[in-house]
């Protein structure tokens, strides 16, 4: 129990170090970041996929059903 109590200050100090302040200066951006481009590509692909699936589902519903004998 005593060992656990001696570790409490370390558990308190570690998160405090993670929130160290930055310099406050914002850097200039000359071009989009790679993550921005990847997000746009992913969103465009997702929209295409969903629209394609919805059109396929609609075509399936509108297709004439074969007559049963």
PDB file of N, CA and C in Angstrom:
ATOM      1  N   UNK A   1       0.823  -1.192   0.000  1.00  0.00           N
ATOM      2  CA  UNK A   1       0.000   0.000   0.000  1.00  0.00           C
ATOM      3  C   UNK A   1       0.865   1.253   0.000  1.00  0.00           C
ATOM      4  N   UNK A   2       1.976   1.188   0.723  1.00  0.00           N
ATOM      5  CA  UNK A   2       2.875   2.330   0.814  1.00  0.00           C
ATOM      6  C   UNK A   2       3.510   2.599  -0.549  1.00  0.00           C
ATOM      7  N   UNK A   3       3.833   1.545  -1.277  1.00  0.00           N
ATOM      8  CA  UNK A   3       4.416   1.711  -2.612  1.00  0.00           C
ATOM      9  C   UNK A   3       3.432   2.416  -3.534  1.00  0.00           C
ATOM     10  N   UNK A   4       2.195   2.059  -3.455  1.00  0.00           N
ATOM     11  CA  UNK A   4       1.169   2.676  -4.291  1.00  0.00           C
ATOM     12  C   UNK A   4       1.034   4.161  -3.964  1.00  0.00           C
ATOM     13  N   UNK A   5       1.096   4.505  -2.693  1.00  0.00           N
ATOM     14  CA  UNK A   5       1.005   5.901  -2.288  1.00  0.00           C
ATOM     15  C   UNK A   5       2.204   6.719  -2.761  1.00  0.00           C
ATOM     16  N   UNK A   6       3.359   6.085  -2.893  1.00  0.00           N
ATOM     17  CA  UNK A   6       4.526   6.819  -3.381  1.00  0.00           C
ATOM     18  C   UNK A   6       4.445   7.077  -4.879  1.00  0.00           C
ATOM     19  N   UNK A   7       3.642   6.332  -5.604  1.00  0.00           N
ATOM     20  CA  UNK A   7       3.494   6.528  -7.047  1.00  0.00           C
ATOM     21  C   UNK A   7       2.453   7.584  -7.410  1.00  0.00           C
ATOM     22  N   UNK A   8       1.626   7.984  -6.477  1.00  0.00           N
ATOM     23  CA  UNK A   8       0.572   8.957  -6.768  1.00  0.00           C
ATOM     24  C   UNK A   8       1.124  10.259  -7.332  1.00  0.00           C
ATOM     25  N   UNK A   9       2.187  10.853  -6.804  1.00  0.00           N
ATOM     26  CA  UNK A   9       2.712  12.083  -7.420  1.00  0.00           C
ATOM     27  C   UNK A   9       3.145  11.879  -8.872  1.00  0.00           C
ATOM     28  N   UNK A  10       3.656  10.704  -9.203  1.00  0.00           N
ATOM     29  CA  UNK A  10       4.061  10.434 -10.587  1.00  0.00           C
ATOM     30  C   UNK A  10       2.834  10.377 -11.499  1.00  0.00           C
ATOM     31  N   UNK A  11       1.752   9.789 -11.035  1.00  0.00           N
ATOM     32  CA  UNK A  11       0.532   9.723 -11.843  1.00  0.00           C
ATOM     33  C   UNK A  11      -0.077  11.107 -12.059  1.00  0.00           C
ATOM     34  N   UNK A  12       0.119  11.992 -11.127  1.00  0.00           N
ATOM     35  CA  UNK A  12      -0.397  13.351 -11.265  1.00  0.00           C
ATOM     36  C   UNK A  12       0.498  14.166 -12.191  1.00  0.00           C
ATOM     37  N   UNK A  13       1.806  13.956 -12.136  1.00  0.00           N
ATOM     38  CA  UNK A  13       2.752  14.764 -12.908  1.00  0.00           C
ATOM     39  C   UNK A  13       2.747  14.407 -14.391  1.00  0.00           C
ATOM     40  N   UNK A  14       2.538  13.162 -14.758  1.00  0.00           N
ATOM     41  CA  UNK A  14       2.619  12.742 -16.161  1.00  0.00           C
ATOM     42  C   UNK A  14       1.574  13.442 -17.030  1.00  0.00           C
ATOM     43  N   UNK A  15       0.299  13.484 -16.682  1.00  0.00           N
ATOM     44  CA  UNK A  15      -0.649  14.217 -17.528  1.00  0.00           C
ATOM     45  C   UNK A  15      -0.360  15.716 -17.569  1.00  0.00           C
ATOM     46  N   UNK A  16       0.172  16.264 -16.493  1.00  0.00           N
ATOM     47  CA  UNK A  16       0.491  17.695 -16.485  1.00  0.00           C
ATOM     48  C   UNK A  16       1.589  18.001 -17.490  1.00  0.00           C
ATOM     49  N   UNK A  17       2.522  17.105 -17.675  1.00  0.00           N
ATOM     50  CA  UNK A  17       3.587  17.312 -18.655  1.00  0.00           C
ATOM     51  C   UNK A  17       3.069  17.196 -20.081  1.00  0.00           C
ATOM     52  N   UNK A  18       2.037  16.417 -20.287  1.00  0.00           N
ATOM     53  CA  UNK A  18       1.487  16.238 -21.628  1.00  0.00           C
ATOM     54  C   UNK A  18       0.787  17.501 -22.120  1.00  0.00           C
ATOM     55  N   UNK A  19       0.328  18.343 -21.224  1.00  0.00           N
ATOM     56  CA  UNK A  19      -0.383  19.561 -21.606  1.00  0.00           C
ATOM     57  C   UNK A  19       0.524  20.794 -21.562  1.00  0.00           C
ATOM     58  N   UNK A  20       1.779  20.609 -21.909  1.00  0.00           N
ATOM     59  CA  UNK A  20       2.710  21.743 -21.905  1.00  0.00           C
ATOM     60  C   UNK A  20       2.289  22.741 -22.982  1.00  0.00           C
ATOM     61  N   UNK A  21       2.345  24.037 -22.689  1.00  0.00           N
ATOM     62  CA  UNK A  21       1.909  25.031 -23.668  1.00  0.00           C
ATOM     63  C   UNK A  21       2.868  25.119 -24.853  1.00  0.00           C
ATOM     64  N   UNK A  22       2.348  25.556 -25.982  1.00  0.00           N
ATOM     65  CA  UNK A  22       3.193  25.747 -27.151  1.00  0.00           C
ATOM     66  C   UNK A  22       3.600  27.210 -27.239  1.00  0.00           C
ATOM     67  N   UNK A  23       4.348  27.560 -28.252  1.00  0.00           N
ATOM     68  CA  UNK A  23       4.889  28.912 -28.346  1.00  0.00           C
ATOM     69  C   UNK A  23       3.817  29.949 -28.650  1.00  0.00           C
ATOM     70  N   UNK A  24       2.708  29.543 -29.229  1.00  0.00           N
ATOM     71  CA  UNK A  24       1.640  30.479 -29.539  1.00  0.00           C
ATOM     72  C   UNK A  24       1.726  31.056 -30.930  1.00  0.00           C
ATOM     73  N   UNK A  25       2.776  30.749 -31.664  1.00  0.00           N
ATOM     74  CA  UNK A  25       2.917  31.250 -33.027  1.00  0.00           C
ATOM     75  C   UNK A  25       2.308  30.245 -33.996  1.00  0.00           C
ATOM     76  N   UNK A  26       1.454  30.750 -34.867  1.00  0.00           N
ATOM     77  CA  UNK A  26       0.863  29.897 -35.889  1.00  0.00           C
ATOM     78  C   UNK A  26       1.751  29.913 -37.115  1.00  0.00           C
ATOM     79  N   UNK A  27       1.988  28.750 -37.672  1.00  0.00           N
ATOM     80  CA  UNK A  27       2.801  28.663 -38.880  1.00  0.00           C
ATOM     81  C   UNK A  27       1.976  29.018 -40.110  1.00  0.00           C
ATOM     82  N   UNK A  28       2.653  29.383 -41.170  1.00  0.00           N
ATOM     83  CA  UNK A  28       1.949  29.699 -42.410  1.00  0.00           C
ATOM     84  C   UNK A  28       1.782  28.434 -43.223  1.00  0.00           C
ATOM     85  N   UNK A  29       0.668  28.353 -43.911  1.00  0.00           N
ATOM     86  CA  UNK A  29       0.389  27.198 -44.762  1.00  0.00           C
ATOM     87  C   UNK A  29       0.484  27.644 -46.205  1.00  0.00           C
ATOM     88  N   UNK A  30       1.332  26.993 -46.954  1.00  0.00           N
ATOM     89  CA  UNK A  30       1.495  27.347 -48.358  1.00  0.00           C
ATOM     90  C   UNK A  30       0.689  26.437 -49.265  1.00  0.00           C
ATOM     91  N   UNK A  31       0.320  25.269 -48.768  1.00  0.00           N
ATOM     92  CA  UNK A  31      -0.456  24.325 -49.562  1.00  0.00           C
ATOM     93  C   UNK A  31      -1.235  23.413 -48.615  1.00  0.00           C
ATOM     94  N   UNK A  32      -2.242  22.713 -49.134  1.00  0.00           N
ATOM     95  CA  UNK A  32      -3.006  21.802 -48.262  1.00  0.00           C
ATOM     96  C   UNK A  32      -2.124  20.653 -47.756  1.00  0.00           C
ATOM     97  N   UNK A  33      -2.417  20.226 -46.573  1.00  0.00           N
ATOM     98  CA  UNK A  33      -1.703  19.092 -46.014  1.00  0.00           C
ATOM     99  C   UNK A  33      -2.159  17.810 -46.699  1.00  0.00           C
ATOM    100  N   UNK A  34      -1.359  16.772 -46.597  1.00  0.00           N
ATOM    101  CA  UNK A  34      -1.696  15.488 -47.207  1.00  0.00           C
ATOM    102  C   UNK A  34      -2.987  14.930 -46.607  1.00  0.00           C
ATOM    103  N   UNK A  35      -3.209  15.158 -45.327  1.00  0.00           N
ATOM    104  CA  UNK A  35      -4.431  14.652 -44.694  1.00  0.00           C
ATOM    105  C   UNK A  35      -5.671  15.357 -45.255  1.00  0.00           C
ATOM    106  N   UNK A  36      -5.550  16.637 -45.621  1.00  0.00           N
ATOM    107  CA  UNK A  36      -6.673  17.349 -46.236  1.00  0.00           C
ATOM    108  C   UNK A  36      -7.030  16.734 -47.580  1.00  0.00           C
ATOM    109  N   UNK A  37      -6.017  16.441 -48.373  1.00  0.00           N
ATOM    110  CA  UNK A  37      -6.240  15.844 -49.692  1.00  0.00           C
ATOM    111  C   UNK A  37      -6.837  14.450 -49.540  1.00  0.00           C
ATOM    112  N   UNK A  38      -6.317  13.671 -48.598  1.00  0.00           N
ATOM    113  CA  UNK A  38      -6.838  12.324 -48.368  1.00  0.00           C
ATOM    114  C   UNK A  38      -8.296  12.365 -47.923  1.00  0.00           C
ATOM    115  N   UNK A  39      -8.660  13.345 -47.115  1.00  0.00           N
ATOM    116  CA  UNK A  39     -10.034  13.471 -46.657  1.00  0.00           C
ATOM    117  C   UNK A  39     -10.974  13.773 -47.814  1.00  0.00           C
ATOM    118  N   UNK A  40     -10.565  14.645 -48.720  1.00  0.00           N
ATOM    119  CA  UNK A  40     -11.395  14.973 -49.882  1.00  0.00           C
ATOM    120  C   UNK A  40     -11.553  13.754 -50.783  1.00  0.00           C
ATOM    121  N   UNK A  41     -10.472  13.029 -51.016  1.00  0.00           N
ATOM    122  CA  UNK A  41     -10.534  11.834 -51.857  1.00  0.00           C
ATOM    123  C   UNK A  41     -11.442  10.783 -51.222  1.00  0.00           C
ATOM    124  N   UNK A  42     -11.318  10.586 -49.919  1.00  0.00           N
ATOM    125  CA  UNK A  42     -12.159   9.610 -49.231  1.00  0.00           C
ATOM    126  C   UNK A  42     -13.631  10.014 -49.295  1.00  0.00           C
ATOM    127  N   UNK A  43     -13.921  11.290 -49.090  1.00  0.00           N
ATOM    128  CA  UNK A  43     -15.309  11.758 -49.127  1.00  0.00           C
ATOM    129  C   UNK A  43     -15.891  11.591 -50.520  1.00  0.00           C
ATOM    130  N   UNK A  44     -15.121  11.899 -51.555  1.00  0.00           N
ATOM    131  CA  UNK A  44     -15.608  11.732 -52.923  1.00  0.00           C
ATOM    132  C   UNK A  44     -15.866  10.261 -53.222  1.00  0.00           C
ATOM    133  N   UNK A  45     -14.977   9.394 -52.782  1.00  0.00           N
ATOM    134  CA  UNK A  45     -15.172   7.957 -52.984  1.00  0.00           C
ATOM    135  C   UNK A  45     -16.386   7.429 -52.238  1.00  0.00           C
ATOM    136  N   UNK A  46     -16.588   7.909 -51.030  1.00  0.00           N
ATOM    137  CA  UNK A  46     -17.739   7.470 -50.244  1.00  0.00           C
ATOM    138  C   UNK A  46     -19.046   7.921 -50.892  1.00  0.00           C
ATOM    139  N   UNK A  47     -19.076   9.163 -51.387  1.00  0.00           N
ATOM    140  CA  UNK A  47     -20.279   9.646 -52.074  1.00  0.00           C
ATOM    141  C   UNK A  47     -20.566   8.828 -53.320  1.00  0.00           C
ATOM    142  N   UNK A  48     -19.523   8.539 -54.104  1.00  0.00           N
ATOM    143  CA  UNK A  48     -19.720   7.736 -55.312  1.00  0.00           C
ATOM    144  C   UNK A  48     -20.256   6.355 -54.943  1.00  0.00           C
ATOM    145  N   UNK A  49     -19.669   5.733 -53.924  1.00  0.00           N
ATOM    146  CA  UNK A  49     -20.084   4.390 -53.527  1.00  0.00           C
ATOM    147  C   UNK A  49     -21.539   4.362 -53.073  1.00  0.00           C
ATOM    148  N   UNK A  50     -21.931   5.318 -52.254  1.00  0.00           N
ATOM    149  CA  UNK A  50     -23.305   5.342 -51.745  1.00  0.00           C
ATOM    150  C   UNK A  50     -24.300   5.611 -52.865  1.00  0.00           C
ATOM    151  N   UNK A  51     -23.997   6.565 -53.740  1.00  0.00           N
ATOM    152  CA  UNK A  51     -24.906   6.853 -54.855  1.00  0.00           C
ATOM    153  C   UNK A  51     -25.024   5.662 -55.788  1.00  0.00           C
ATOM    154  N   UNK A  52     -23.910   4.981 -56.026  1.00  0.00           N
ATOM    155  CA  UNK A  52     -23.922   3.791 -56.885  1.00  0.00           C
ATOM    156  C   UNK A  52     -24.804   2.697 -56.265  1.00  0.00           C
ATOM    157  N   UNK A  53     -24.667   2.482 -54.967  1.00  0.00           N
ATOM    158  CA  UNK A  53     -25.467   1.461 -54.285  1.00  0.00           C
ATOM    159  C   UNK A  53     -26.950   1.820 -54.302  1.00  0.00           C
ATOM    160  N   UNK A  54     -27.268   3.113 -54.124  1.00  0.00           N
ATOM    161  CA  UNK A  54     -28.673   3.526 -54.133  1.00  0.00           C
ATOM    162  C   UNK A  54     -29.278   3.364 -55.529  1.00  0.00           C
ATOM    163  N   UNK A  55     -28.519   3.684 -56.557  1.00  0.00           N
ATOM    164  CA  UNK A  55     -29.027   3.508 -57.925  1.00  0.00           C
ATOM    165  C   UNK A  55     -29.240   2.039 -58.249  1.00  0.00           C
ATOM    166  N   UNK A  56     -28.320   1.187 -57.814  1.00  0.00           N
ATOM    167  CA  UNK A  56     -28.469  -0.249 -58.056  1.00  0.00           C
ATOM    168  C   UNK A  56     -29.708  -0.784 -57.346  1.00  0.00           C
ATOM    169  N   UNK A  57     -29.939  -0.335 -56.129  1.00  0.00           N
ATOM    170  CA  UNK A  57     -31.121  -0.778 -55.387  1.00  0.00           C
ATOM    171  C   UNK A  57     -32.401  -0.319 -56.083  1.00  0.00           C
ATOM    172  N   UNK A  58     -32.393   0.907 -56.584  1.00  0.00           N
ATOM    173  CA  UNK A  58     -33.573   1.428 -57.280  1.00  0.00           C
ATOM    174  C   UNK A  58     -33.826   0.656 -58.567  1.00  0.00           C
ATOM    175  N   UNK A  59     -32.762   0.340 -59.312  1.00  0.00           N
ATOM    176  CA  UNK A  59     -32.927  -0.442 -60.543  1.00  0.00           C
ATOM    177  C   UNK A  59     -33.501  -1.815 -60.241  1.00  0.00           C
ATOM    178  N   UNK A  60     -33.071  -2.401 -59.140  1.00  0.00           N
ATOM    179  CA  UNK A  60     -33.571  -3.713 -58.762  1.00  0.00           C
ATOM    180  C   UNK A  60     -35.071  -3.656 -58.454  1.00  0.00           C
ATOM    181  N   UNK A  61     -35.507  -2.581 -57.792  1.00  0.00           N
ATOM    182  CA  UNK A  61     -36.924  -2.441 -57.450  1.00  0.00           C
ATOM    183  C   UNK A  61     -37.766  -2.178 -58.694  1.00  0.00           C
ATOM    184  N   UNK A  62     -37.232  -1.413 -59.643  1.00  0.00           N
ATOM    185  CA  UNK A  62     -37.987  -1.043 -60.833  1.00  0.00           C
ATOM    186  C   UNK A  62     -37.970  -2.118 -61.904  1.00  0.00           C
ATOM    187  N   UNK A  63     -37.126  -3.109 -61.786  1.00  0.00           N
ATOM    188  CA  UNK A  63     -37.041  -4.166 -62.801  1.00  0.00           C
ATOM    189  C   UNK A  63     -38.336  -4.958 -62.813  1.00  0.00           C
ATOM    190  N   UNK A  64     -38.812  -5.299 -64.015  1.00  0.00           N
ATOM    191  CA  UNK A  64     -40.045  -6.106 -64.081  1.00  0.00           C
ATOM    192  C   UNK A  64     -39.794  -7.503 -63.525  1.00  0.00           C
ATOM    193  N   UNK A  65     -40.729  -7.952 -62.717  1.00  0.00           N
ATOM    194  CA  UNK A  65     -40.618  -9.282 -62.129  1.00  0.00           C
ATOM    195  C   UNK A  65     -41.046 -10.323 -63.156  1.00  0.00           C
ATOM    196  N   UNK A  66     -40.327 -11.423 -63.258  1.00  0.00           N
ATOM    197  CA  UNK A  66     -40.720 -12.478 -64.217  1.00  0.00           C
ATOM    198  C   UNK A  66     -42.056 -13.107 -63.785  1.00  0.00           C
ATOM    199  N   UNK A  67     -42.851 -13.412 -64.765  1.00  0.00           N
ATOM    200  CA  UNK A  67     -44.159 -14.015 -64.491  1.00  0.00           C
ATOM    201  C   UNK A  67     -43.973 -15.472 -64.068  1.00  0.00           C
ATOM    202  N   UNK A  68     -44.686 -15.839 -63.025  1.00  0.00           N
ATOM    203  CA  UNK A  68     -44.597 -17.214 -62.556  1.00  0.00           C
ATOM    204  C   UNK A  68     -45.636 -18.055 -63.290  1.00  0.00           C
ATOM    205  N   UNK A  69     -45.239 -19.245 -63.662  1.00  0.00           N
ATOM    206  CA  UNK A  69     -46.172 -20.150 -64.384  1.00  0.00           C
ATOM    207  C   UNK A  69     -46.953 -20.992 -63.444  1.00  0.00           C
TER     208      UNK A  69
END
